[in-house]
Amino acid sequence: MLAKTFAGIVLGLPLSLAVISLAIWIWPGSSEAVVIPFYMAFFPLWVAVMAATYLFRSGVRAWAWLAAANVGAFAALFAAKQMLPGL
């Protein structure tokens, strides 16, 4: 239980930030208009990720899946920054 909690806290934070940053980056138009609303959605997303960690069977699975999700989210963010122009 403790391993799942720490997985949600430690790996849920960068995952939530990467997902929100990716949404801001690919949002059409000016990003200044959507930064505040998207970052207000960050905290509920982080709480949802932390709550979802308790659905895993073990702490090791939670750490592994969240680590893989972090790698995927940051890879998608990197790809979006390389392929899409900064507006």
PDB file of N, CA and C in Angstrom:
ATOM      1  N   MET A   1       0.828  -1.185   0.000  1.00  0.00           N
ATOM      2  CA  MET A   1       0.000   0.000   0.000  1.00  0.00           C
ATOM      3  C   MET A   1       0.876   1.253   0.000  1.00  0.00           C
ATOM      4  N   LEU A   2       1.934   1.220   0.762  1.00  0.00           N
ATOM      5  CA  LEU A   2       2.834   2.365   0.830  1.00  0.00           C
ATOM      6  C   LEU A   2       3.564   2.581  -0.503  1.00  0.00           C
ATOM      7  N   ALA A   3       3.921   1.479  -1.171  1.00  0.00           N
ATOM      8  CA  ALA A   3       4.590   1.598  -2.470  1.00  0.00           C
ATOM      9  C   ALA A   3       3.666   2.214  -3.510  1.00  0.00           C
ATOM     10  N   LYS A   4       2.385   1.869  -3.466  1.00  0.00           N
ATOM     11  CA  LYS A   4       1.429   2.455  -4.401  1.00  0.00           C
ATOM     12  C   LYS A   4       1.249   3.944  -4.125  1.00  0.00           C
ATOM     13  N   THR A   5       1.227   4.302  -2.848  1.00  0.00           N
ATOM     14  CA  THR A   5       1.077   5.708  -2.482  1.00  0.00           C
ATOM     15  C   THR A   5       2.246   6.531  -2.996  1.00  0.00           C
ATOM     16  N   PHE A   6       3.461   6.050  -2.758  1.00  0.00           N
ATOM     17  CA  PHE A   6       4.632   6.794  -3.221  1.00  0.00           C
ATOM     18  C   PHE A   6       4.739   6.800  -4.740  1.00  0.00           C
ATOM     19  N   ALA A   7       4.285   5.738  -5.405  1.00  0.00           N
ATOM     20  CA  ALA A   7       4.282   5.733  -6.869  1.00  0.00           C
ATOM     21  C   ALA A   7       3.349   6.815  -7.396  1.00  0.00           C
ATOM     22  N   GLY A   8       2.198   6.941  -6.781  1.00  0.00           N
ATOM     23  CA  GLY A   8       1.252   7.970  -7.204  1.00  0.00           C
ATOM     24  C   GLY A   8       1.762   9.370  -6.962  1.00  0.00           C
ATOM     25  N   ILE A   9       2.439   9.560  -5.849  1.00  0.00           N
ATOM     26  CA  ILE A   9       2.955  10.894  -5.521  1.00  0.00           C
ATOM     27  C   ILE A   9       4.164  11.230  -6.392  1.00  0.00           C
ATOM     28  N   VAL A  10       5.135  10.338  -6.421  1.00  0.00           N
ATOM     29  CA  VAL A  10       6.413  10.628  -7.083  1.00  0.00           C
ATOM     30  C   VAL A  10       6.290  10.586  -8.608  1.00  0.00           C
ATOM     31  N   LEU A  11       5.623   9.590  -9.148  1.00  0.00           N
ATOM     32  CA  LEU A  11       5.518   9.477 -10.603  1.00  0.00           C
ATOM     33  C   LEU A  11       4.239  10.094 -11.159  1.00  0.00           C
ATOM     34  N   GLY A  12       3.262  10.335 -10.301  1.00  0.00           N
ATOM     35  CA  GLY A  12       2.032  10.969 -10.763  1.00  0.00           C
ATOM     36  C   GLY A  12       2.221  12.442 -11.068  1.00  0.00           C
ATOM     37  N   LEU A  13       3.064  13.109 -10.306  1.00  0.00           N
ATOM     38  CA  LEU A  13       3.321  14.536 -10.525  1.00  0.00           C
ATOM     39  C   LEU A  13       3.914  14.812 -11.898  1.00  0.00           C
ATOM     40  N   PRO A  14       5.029  14.191 -12.282  1.00  0.00           N
ATOM     41  CA  PRO A  14       5.562  14.486 -13.623  1.00  0.00           C
ATOM     42  C   PRO A  14       4.646  13.998 -14.744  1.00  0.00           C
ATOM     43  N   LEU A  15       3.909  12.915 -14.508  1.00  0.00           N
ATOM     44  CA  LEU A  15       2.981  12.446 -15.526  1.00  0.00           C
ATOM     45  C   LEU A  15       1.881  13.474 -15.758  1.00  0.00           C
ATOM     46  N   SER A  16       1.339  14.003 -14.693  1.00  0.00           N
ATOM     47  CA  SER A  16       0.287  15.017 -14.824  1.00  0.00           C
ATOM     48  C   SER A  16       0.820  16.281 -15.485  1.00  0.00           C
ATOM     49  N   LEU A  17       2.008  16.705 -15.109  1.00  0.00           N
ATOM     50  CA  LEU A  17       2.602  17.887 -15.729  1.00  0.00           C
ATOM     51  C   LEU A  17       2.863  17.676 -17.212  1.00  0.00           C
ATOM     52  N   ALA A  18       3.336  16.482 -17.572  1.00  0.00           N
ATOM     53  CA  ALA A  18       3.609  16.206 -18.984  1.00  0.00           C
ATOM     54  C   ALA A  18       2.324  16.182 -19.801  1.00  0.00           C
ATOM     55  N   VAL A  19       1.269  15.599 -19.262  1.00  0.00           N
ATOM     56  CA  VAL A  19       0.001  15.538 -19.993  1.00  0.00           C
ATOM     57  C   VAL A  19      -0.586  16.940 -20.173  1.00  0.00           C
ATOM     58  N   ILE A  20      -0.555  17.742 -19.114  1.00  0.00           N
ATOM     59  CA  ILE A  20      -1.079  19.107 -19.213  1.00  0.00           C
ATOM     60  C   ILE A  20      -0.216  19.943 -20.166  1.00  0.00           C
ATOM     61  N   SER A  21       1.103  19.799 -20.088  1.00  0.00           N
ATOM     62  CA  SER A  21       1.990  20.548 -20.981  1.00  0.00           C
ATOM     63  C   SER A  21       1.778  20.149 -22.433  1.00  0.00           C
ATOM     64  N   LEU A  22       1.561  18.872 -22.672  1.00  0.00           N
ATOM     65  CA  LEU A  22       1.285  18.406 -24.028  1.00  0.00           C
ATOM     66  C   LEU A  22      -0.026  18.990 -24.543  1.00  0.00           C
ATOM     67  N   ALA A  23      -1.032  19.028 -23.689  1.00  0.00           N
ATOM     68  CA  ALA A  23      -2.319  19.606 -24.097  1.00  0.00           C
ATOM     69  C   ALA A  23      -2.173  21.093 -24.415  1.00  0.00           C
ATOM     70  N   ILE A  24      -1.389  21.805 -23.619  1.00  0.00           N
ATOM     71  CA  ILE A  24      -1.159  23.227 -23.888  1.00  0.00           C
ATOM     72  C   ILE A  24      -0.397  23.407 -25.195  1.00  0.00           C
ATOM     73  N   TRP A  25       0.595  22.558 -25.437  1.00  0.00           N
ATOM     74  CA  TRP A  25       1.427  22.716 -26.627  1.00  0.00           C
ATOM     75  C   TRP A  25       0.647  22.464 -27.907  1.00  0.00           C
ATOM     76  N   ILE A  26      -0.242  21.463 -27.909  1.00  0.00           N
ATOM     77  CA  ILE A  26      -0.949  21.135 -29.153  1.00  0.00           C
ATOM     78  C   ILE A  26      -2.276  21.880 -29.281  1.00  0.00           C
ATOM     79  N   TRP A  27      -2.655  22.676 -28.279  1.00  0.00           N
ATOM     80  CA  TRP A  27      -3.899  23.438 -28.359  1.00  0.00           C
ATOM     81  C   TRP A  27      -3.800  24.459 -29.491  1.00  0.00           C
ATOM     82  N   PRO A  28      -4.820  24.524 -30.347  1.00  0.00           N
ATOM     83  CA  PRO A  28      -4.744  25.473 -31.461  1.00  0.00           C
ATOM     84  C   PRO A  28      -4.860  26.917 -30.978  1.00  0.00           C
ATOM     85  N   GLY A  29      -4.161  27.784 -31.641  1.00  0.00           N
ATOM     86  CA  GLY A  29      -4.210  29.202 -31.296  1.00  0.00           C
ATOM     87  C   GLY A  29      -3.166  29.571 -30.262  1.00  0.00           C
ATOM     88  N   SER A  30      -3.398  30.673 -29.627  1.00  0.00           N
ATOM     89  CA  SER A  30      -2.452  31.209 -28.663  1.00  0.00           C
ATOM     90  C   SER A  30      -2.497  30.419 -27.355  1.00  0.00           C
ATOM     91  N   SER A  31      -1.338  30.069 -26.850  1.00  0.00           N
ATOM     92  CA  SER A  31      -1.296  29.288 -25.615  1.00  0.00           C
ATOM     93  C   SER A  31      -1.496  30.147 -24.373  1.00  0.00           C
ATOM     94  N   GLU A  32      -1.356  31.463 -24.489  1.00  0.00           N
ATOM     95  CA  GLU A  32      -1.529  32.328 -23.315  1.00  0.00           C
ATOM     96  C   GLU A  32      -2.953  32.258 -22.770  1.00  0.00           C
ATOM     97  N   ALA A  33      -3.921  32.029 -23.648  1.00  0.00           N
ATOM     98  CA  ALA A  33      -5.319  32.011 -23.227  1.00  0.00           C
ATOM     99  C   ALA A  33      -5.699  30.734 -22.487  1.00  0.00           C
ATOM    100  N   VAL A  34      -4.930  29.669 -22.643  1.00  0.00           N
ATOM    101  CA  VAL A  34      -5.321  28.392 -22.048  1.00  0.00           C
ATOM    102  C   VAL A  34      -4.408  27.924 -20.932  1.00  0.00           C
ATOM    103  N   VAL A  35      -3.359  28.643 -20.645  1.00  0.00           N
ATOM    104  CA  VAL A  35      -2.407  28.176 -19.636  1.00  0.00           C
ATOM    105  C   VAL A  35      -3.055  28.080 -18.264  1.00  0.00           C
ATOM    106  N   ILE A  36      -3.734  29.119 -17.828  1.00  0.00           N
ATOM    107  CA  ILE A  36      -4.336  29.112 -16.499  1.00  0.00           C
ATOM    108  C   ILE A  36      -5.417  28.032 -16.363  1.00  0.00           C
ATOM    109  N   PRO A  37      -6.359  27.918 -17.313  1.00  0.00           N
ATOM    110  CA  PRO A  37      -7.356  26.845 -17.159  1.00  0.00           C
ATOM    111  C   PRO A  37      -6.756  25.440 -17.169  1.00  0.00           C
ATOM    112  N   PHE A  38      -5.743  25.225 -18.005  1.00  0.00           N
ATOM    113  CA  PHE A  38      -5.136  23.900 -18.039  1.00  0.00           C
ATOM    114  C   PHE A  38      -4.367  23.608 -16.756  1.00  0.00           C
ATOM    115  N   TYR A  39      -3.661  24.581 -16.238  1.00  0.00           N
ATOM    116  CA  TYR A  39      -2.946  24.331 -14.988  1.00  0.00           C
ATOM    117  C   TYR A  39      -3.879  24.234 -13.798  1.00  0.00           C
ATOM    118  N   MET A  40      -5.088  24.778 -13.909  1.00  0.00           N
ATOM    119  CA  MET A  40      -6.084  24.544 -12.870  1.00  0.00           C
ATOM    120  C   MET A  40      -6.596  23.109 -12.948  1.00  0.00           C
ATOM    121  N   ALA A  41      -6.544  22.511 -14.114  1.00  0.00           N
ATOM    122  CA  ALA A  41      -6.941  21.115 -14.286  1.00  0.00           C
ATOM    123  C   ALA A  41      -5.833  20.158 -13.875  1.00  0.00           C
ATOM    124  N   PHE A  42      -4.638  20.678 -13.628  1.00  0.00           N
ATOM    125  CA  PHE A  42      -3.514  19.825 -13.254  1.00  0.00           C
ATOM    126  C   PHE A  42      -3.756  19.104 -11.937  1.00  0.00           C
ATOM    127  N   PHE A  43      -4.211  19.825 -10.919  1.00  0.00           N
ATOM    128  CA  PHE A  43      -4.365  19.207  -9.602  1.00  0.00           C
ATOM    129  C   PHE A  43      -5.396  18.079  -9.608  1.00  0.00           C
ATOM    130  N   PRO A  44      -6.586  18.267 -10.201  1.00  0.00           N
ATOM    131  CA  PRO A  44      -7.510  17.120 -10.258  1.00  0.00           C
ATOM    132  C   PRO A  44      -6.952  15.931 -11.040  1.00  0.00           C
ATOM    133  N   LEU A  45      -6.166  16.202 -12.082  1.00  0.00           N
ATOM    134  CA  LEU A  45      -5.547  15.115 -12.837  1.00  0.00           C
ATOM    135  C   LEU A  45      -4.548  14.358 -11.974  1.00  0.00           C
ATOM    136  N   TRP A  46      -3.748  15.082 -11.199  1.00  0.00           N
ATOM    137  CA  TRP A  46      -2.770  14.445 -10.320  1.00  0.00           C
ATOM    138  C   TRP A  46      -3.470  13.611  -9.254  1.00  0.00           C
ATOM    139  N   VAL A  47      -4.544  14.128  -8.697  1.00  0.00           N
ATOM    140  CA  VAL A  47      -5.311  13.381  -7.706  1.00  0.00           C
ATOM    141  C   VAL A  47      -5.903  12.118  -8.337  1.00  0.00           C
ATOM    142  N   ALA A  48      -6.377  12.213  -9.571  1.00  0.00           N
ATOM    143  CA  ALA A  48      -6.923  11.046 -10.261  1.00  0.00           C
ATOM    144  C   ALA A  48      -5.852   9.992 -10.505  1.00  0.00           C
ATOM    145  N   VAL A  49      -4.648  10.425 -10.871  1.00  0.00           N
ATOM    146  CA  VAL A  49      -3.546   9.478 -11.073  1.00  0.00           C
ATOM    147  C   VAL A  49      -3.169   8.825  -9.744  1.00  0.00           C
ATOM    148  N   MET A  50      -3.119   9.621  -8.679  1.00  0.00           N
ATOM    149  CA  MET A  50      -2.791   9.044  -7.367  1.00  0.00           C
ATOM    150  C   MET A  50      -3.859   8.042  -6.929  1.00  0.00           C
ATOM    151  N   ALA A  51      -5.118   8.347  -7.192  1.00  0.00           N
ATOM    152  CA  ALA A  51      -6.189   7.430  -6.816  1.00  0.00           C
ATOM    153  C   ALA A  51      -6.154   6.163  -7.667  1.00  0.00           C
ATOM    154  N   ALA A  52      -5.787   6.297  -8.928  1.00  0.00           N
ATOM    155  CA  ALA A  52      -5.749   5.138  -9.823  1.00  0.00           C
ATOM    156  C   ALA A  52      -4.630   4.167  -9.470  1.00  0.00           C
ATOM    157  N   THR A  53      -3.625   4.615  -8.739  1.00  0.00           N
ATOM    158  CA  THR A  53      -2.544   3.702  -8.372  1.00  0.00           C
ATOM    159  C   THR A  53      -3.017   2.592  -7.444  1.00  0.00           C
ATOM    160  N   TYR A  54      -4.110   2.818  -6.740  1.00  0.00           N
ATOM    161  CA  TYR A  54      -4.617   1.781  -5.839  1.00  0.00           C
ATOM    162  C   TYR A  54      -5.353   0.680  -6.579  1.00  0.00           C
ATOM    163  N   LEU A  55      -5.560   0.833  -7.876  1.00  0.00           N
ATOM    164  CA  LEU A  55      -6.191  -0.206  -8.671  1.00  0.00           C
ATOM    165  C   LEU A  55      -5.200  -1.282  -9.110  1.00  0.00           C
ATOM    166  N   PHE A  56      -3.894  -1.011  -8.982  1.00  0.00           N
ATOM    167  CA  PHE A  56      -2.886  -1.996  -9.360  1.00  0.00           C
ATOM    168  C   PHE A  56      -2.809  -3.087  -8.299  1.00  0.00           C
ATOM    169  N   ARG A  57      -2.396  -4.267  -8.720  1.00  0.00           N
ATOM    170  CA  ARG A  57      -2.304  -5.391  -7.784  1.00  0.00           C
ATOM    171  C   ARG A  57      -1.165  -5.250  -6.796  1.00  0.00           C
ATOM    172  N   SER A  58      -0.085  -4.614  -7.227  1.00  0.00           N
ATOM    173  CA  SER A  58       1.068  -4.462  -6.332  1.00  0.00           C
ATOM    174  C   SER A  58       1.726  -3.112  -6.574  1.00  0.00           C
ATOM    175  N   GLY A  59       2.587  -2.753  -5.641  1.00  0.00           N
ATOM    176  CA  GLY A  59       3.322  -1.508  -5.776  1.00  0.00           C
ATOM    177  C   GLY A  59       4.305  -1.538  -6.931  1.00  0.00           C
ATOM    178  N   VAL A  60       4.862  -2.702  -7.192  1.00  0.00           N
ATOM    179  CA  VAL A  60       5.823  -2.839  -8.294  1.00  0.00           C
ATOM    180  C   VAL A  60       5.140  -2.578  -9.629  1.00  0.00           C
ATOM    181  N   ARG A  61       3.935  -3.087  -9.785  1.00  0.00           N
ATOM    182  CA  ARG A  61       3.197  -2.834 -11.030  1.00  0.00           C
ATOM    183  C   ARG A  61       2.846  -1.360 -11.165  1.00  0.00           C
ATOM    184  N   ALA A  62       2.482  -0.735 -10.061  1.00  0.00           N
ATOM    185  CA  ALA A  62       2.160   0.694 -10.107  1.00  0.00           C
ATOM    186  C   ALA A  62       3.378   1.499 -10.532  1.00  0.00           C
ATOM    187  N   TRP A  63       4.532   1.205  -9.945  1.00  0.00           N
ATOM    188  CA  TRP A  63       5.760   1.908 -10.322  1.00  0.00           C
ATOM    189  C   TRP A  63       6.101   1.658 -11.791  1.00  0.00           C
ATOM    190  N   ALA A  64       5.973   0.420 -12.246  1.00  0.00           N
ATOM    191  CA  ALA A  64       6.334   0.090 -13.628  1.00  0.00           C
ATOM    192  C   ALA A  64       5.403   0.783 -14.626  1.00  0.00           C
ATOM    193  N   TRP A  65       4.099   0.709 -14.400  1.00  0.00           N
ATOM    194  CA  TRP A  65       3.154   1.321 -15.333  1.00  0.00           C
ATOM    195  C   TRP A  65       3.258   2.836 -15.326  1.00  0.00           C
ATOM    196  N   LEU A  66       3.427   3.423 -14.169  1.00  0.00           N
ATOM    197  CA  LEU A  66       3.552   4.877 -14.131  1.00  0.00           C
ATOM    198  C   LEU A  66       4.875   5.336 -14.742  1.00  0.00           C
ATOM    199  N   ALA A  67       5.930   4.561 -14.557  1.00  0.00           N
ATOM    200  CA  ALA A  67       7.206   4.908 -15.197  1.00  0.00           C
ATOM    201  C   ALA A  67       7.079   4.827 -16.718  1.00  0.00           C
ATOM    202  N   ALA A  68       6.410   3.784 -17.207  1.00  0.00           N
ATOM    203  CA  ALA A  68       6.210   3.659 -18.653  1.00  0.00           C
ATOM    204  C   ALA A  68       5.317   4.784 -19.175  1.00  0.00           C
ATOM    205  N   ALA A  69       4.302   5.146 -18.416  1.00  0.00           N
ATOM    206  CA  ALA A  69       3.424   6.250 -18.825  1.00  0.00           C
ATOM    207  C   ALA A  69       4.181   7.567 -18.848  1.00  0.00           C
ATOM    208  N   ASN A  70       5.100   7.767 -17.900  1.00  0.00           N
ATOM    209  CA  ASN A  70       5.922   8.973 -17.890  1.00  0.00           C
ATOM    210  C   ASN A  70       6.819   9.029 -19.109  1.00  0.00           C
ATOM    211  N   VAL A  71       7.441   7.923 -19.439  1.00  0.00           N
ATOM    212  CA  VAL A  71       8.309   7.886 -20.621  1.00  0.00           C
ATOM    213  C   VAL A  71       7.498   8.197 -21.876  1.00  0.00           C
ATOM    214  N   GLY A  72       6.320   7.606 -21.980  1.00  0.00           N
ATOM    215  CA  GLY A  72       5.465   7.867 -23.142  1.00  0.00           C
ATOM    216  C   GLY A  72       4.986   9.302 -23.214  1.00  0.00           C
ATOM    217  N   ALA A  73       4.590   9.866 -22.073  1.00  0.00           N
ATOM    218  CA  ALA A  73       4.091  11.244 -22.059  1.00  0.00           C
ATOM    219  C   ALA A  73       5.194  12.236 -22.401  1.00  0.00           C
ATOM    220  N   PHE A  74       6.380  12.031 -21.839  1.00  0.00           N
ATOM    221  CA  PHE A  74       7.471  12.943 -22.142  1.00  0.00           C
ATOM    222  C   PHE A  74       7.992  12.755 -23.561  1.00  0.00           C
ATOM    223  N   ALA A  75       7.916  11.532 -24.085  1.00  0.00           N
ATOM    224  CA  ALA A  75       8.292  11.315 -25.484  1.00  0.00           C
ATOM    225  C   ALA A  75       7.305  12.013 -26.414  1.00  0.00           C
ATOM    226  N   ALA A  76       6.023  11.941 -26.088  1.00  0.00           N
ATOM    227  CA  ALA A  76       5.018  12.635 -26.893  1.00  0.00           C
ATOM    228  C   ALA A  76       5.201  14.150 -26.817  1.00  0.00           C
ATOM    229  N   LEU A  77       5.525  14.655 -25.647  1.00  0.00           N
ATOM    230  CA  LEU A  77       5.776  16.092 -25.494  1.00  0.00           C
ATOM    231  C   LEU A  77       7.000  16.512 -26.295  1.00  0.00           C
ATOM    232  N   PHE A  78       8.060  15.718 -26.247  1.00  0.00           N
ATOM    233  CA  PHE A  78       9.265  16.014 -27.009  1.00  0.00           C
ATOM    234  C   PHE A  78       8.977  15.991 -28.513  1.00  0.00           C
ATOM    235  N   ALA A  79       8.217  14.978 -28.943  1.00  0.00           N
ATOM    236  CA  ALA A  79       7.871  14.883 -30.368  1.00  0.00           C
ATOM    237  C   ALA A  79       7.013  16.064 -30.805  1.00  0.00           C
ATOM    238  N   ALA A  80       6.078  16.461 -29.968  1.00  0.00           N
ATOM    239  CA  ALA A  80       5.224  17.599 -30.311  1.00  0.00           C
ATOM    240  C   ALA A  80       6.034  18.879 -30.409  1.00  0.00           C
ATOM    241  N   LYS A  81       6.997  19.045 -29.522  1.00  0.00           N
ATOM    242  CA  LYS A  81       7.829  20.247 -29.577  1.00  0.00           C
ATOM    243  C   LYS A  81       8.739  20.247 -30.797  1.00  0.00           C
ATOM    244  N   GLN A  82       9.149  19.073 -31.257  1.00  0.00           N
ATOM    245  CA  GLN A  82      10.013  19.016 -32.429  1.00  0.00           C
ATOM    246  C   GLN A  82       9.237  19.166 -33.740  1.00  0.00           C
ATOM    247  N   MET A  83       8.014  18.643 -33.768  1.00  0.00           N
ATOM    248  CA  MET A  83       7.250  18.633 -35.029  1.00  0.00           C
ATOM    249  C   MET A  83       6.315  19.823 -35.186  1.00  0.00           C
ATOM    250  N   LEU A  84       5.775  20.304 -34.093  1.00  0.00           N
ATOM    251  CA  LEU A  84       4.823  21.406 -34.171  1.00  0.00           C
ATOM    252  C   LEU A  84       5.527  22.709 -33.850  1.00  0.00           C
ATOM    253  N   PRO A  85       5.245  23.745 -34.582  1.00  0.00           N
ATOM    254  CA  PRO A  85       5.899  25.022 -34.280  1.00  0.00           C
ATOM    255  C   PRO A  85       5.344  25.616 -32.994  1.00  0.00           C
ATOM    256  N   GLY A  86       6.206  26.282 -32.255  1.00  0.00           N
ATOM    257  CA  GLY A  86       5.760  26.997 -31.067  1.00  0.00           C
ATOM    258  C   GLY A  86       4.981  28.231 -31.469  1.00  0.00           C
ATOM    259  N   LEU A  87       3.777  28.325 -30.972  1.00  0.00           N
ATOM    260  CA  LEU A  87       2.924  29.442 -31.368  1.00  0.00           C
ATOM    261  C   LEU A  87       2.943  30.517 -30.333  1.00  0.00           C
TER     262      LEU A  87
END
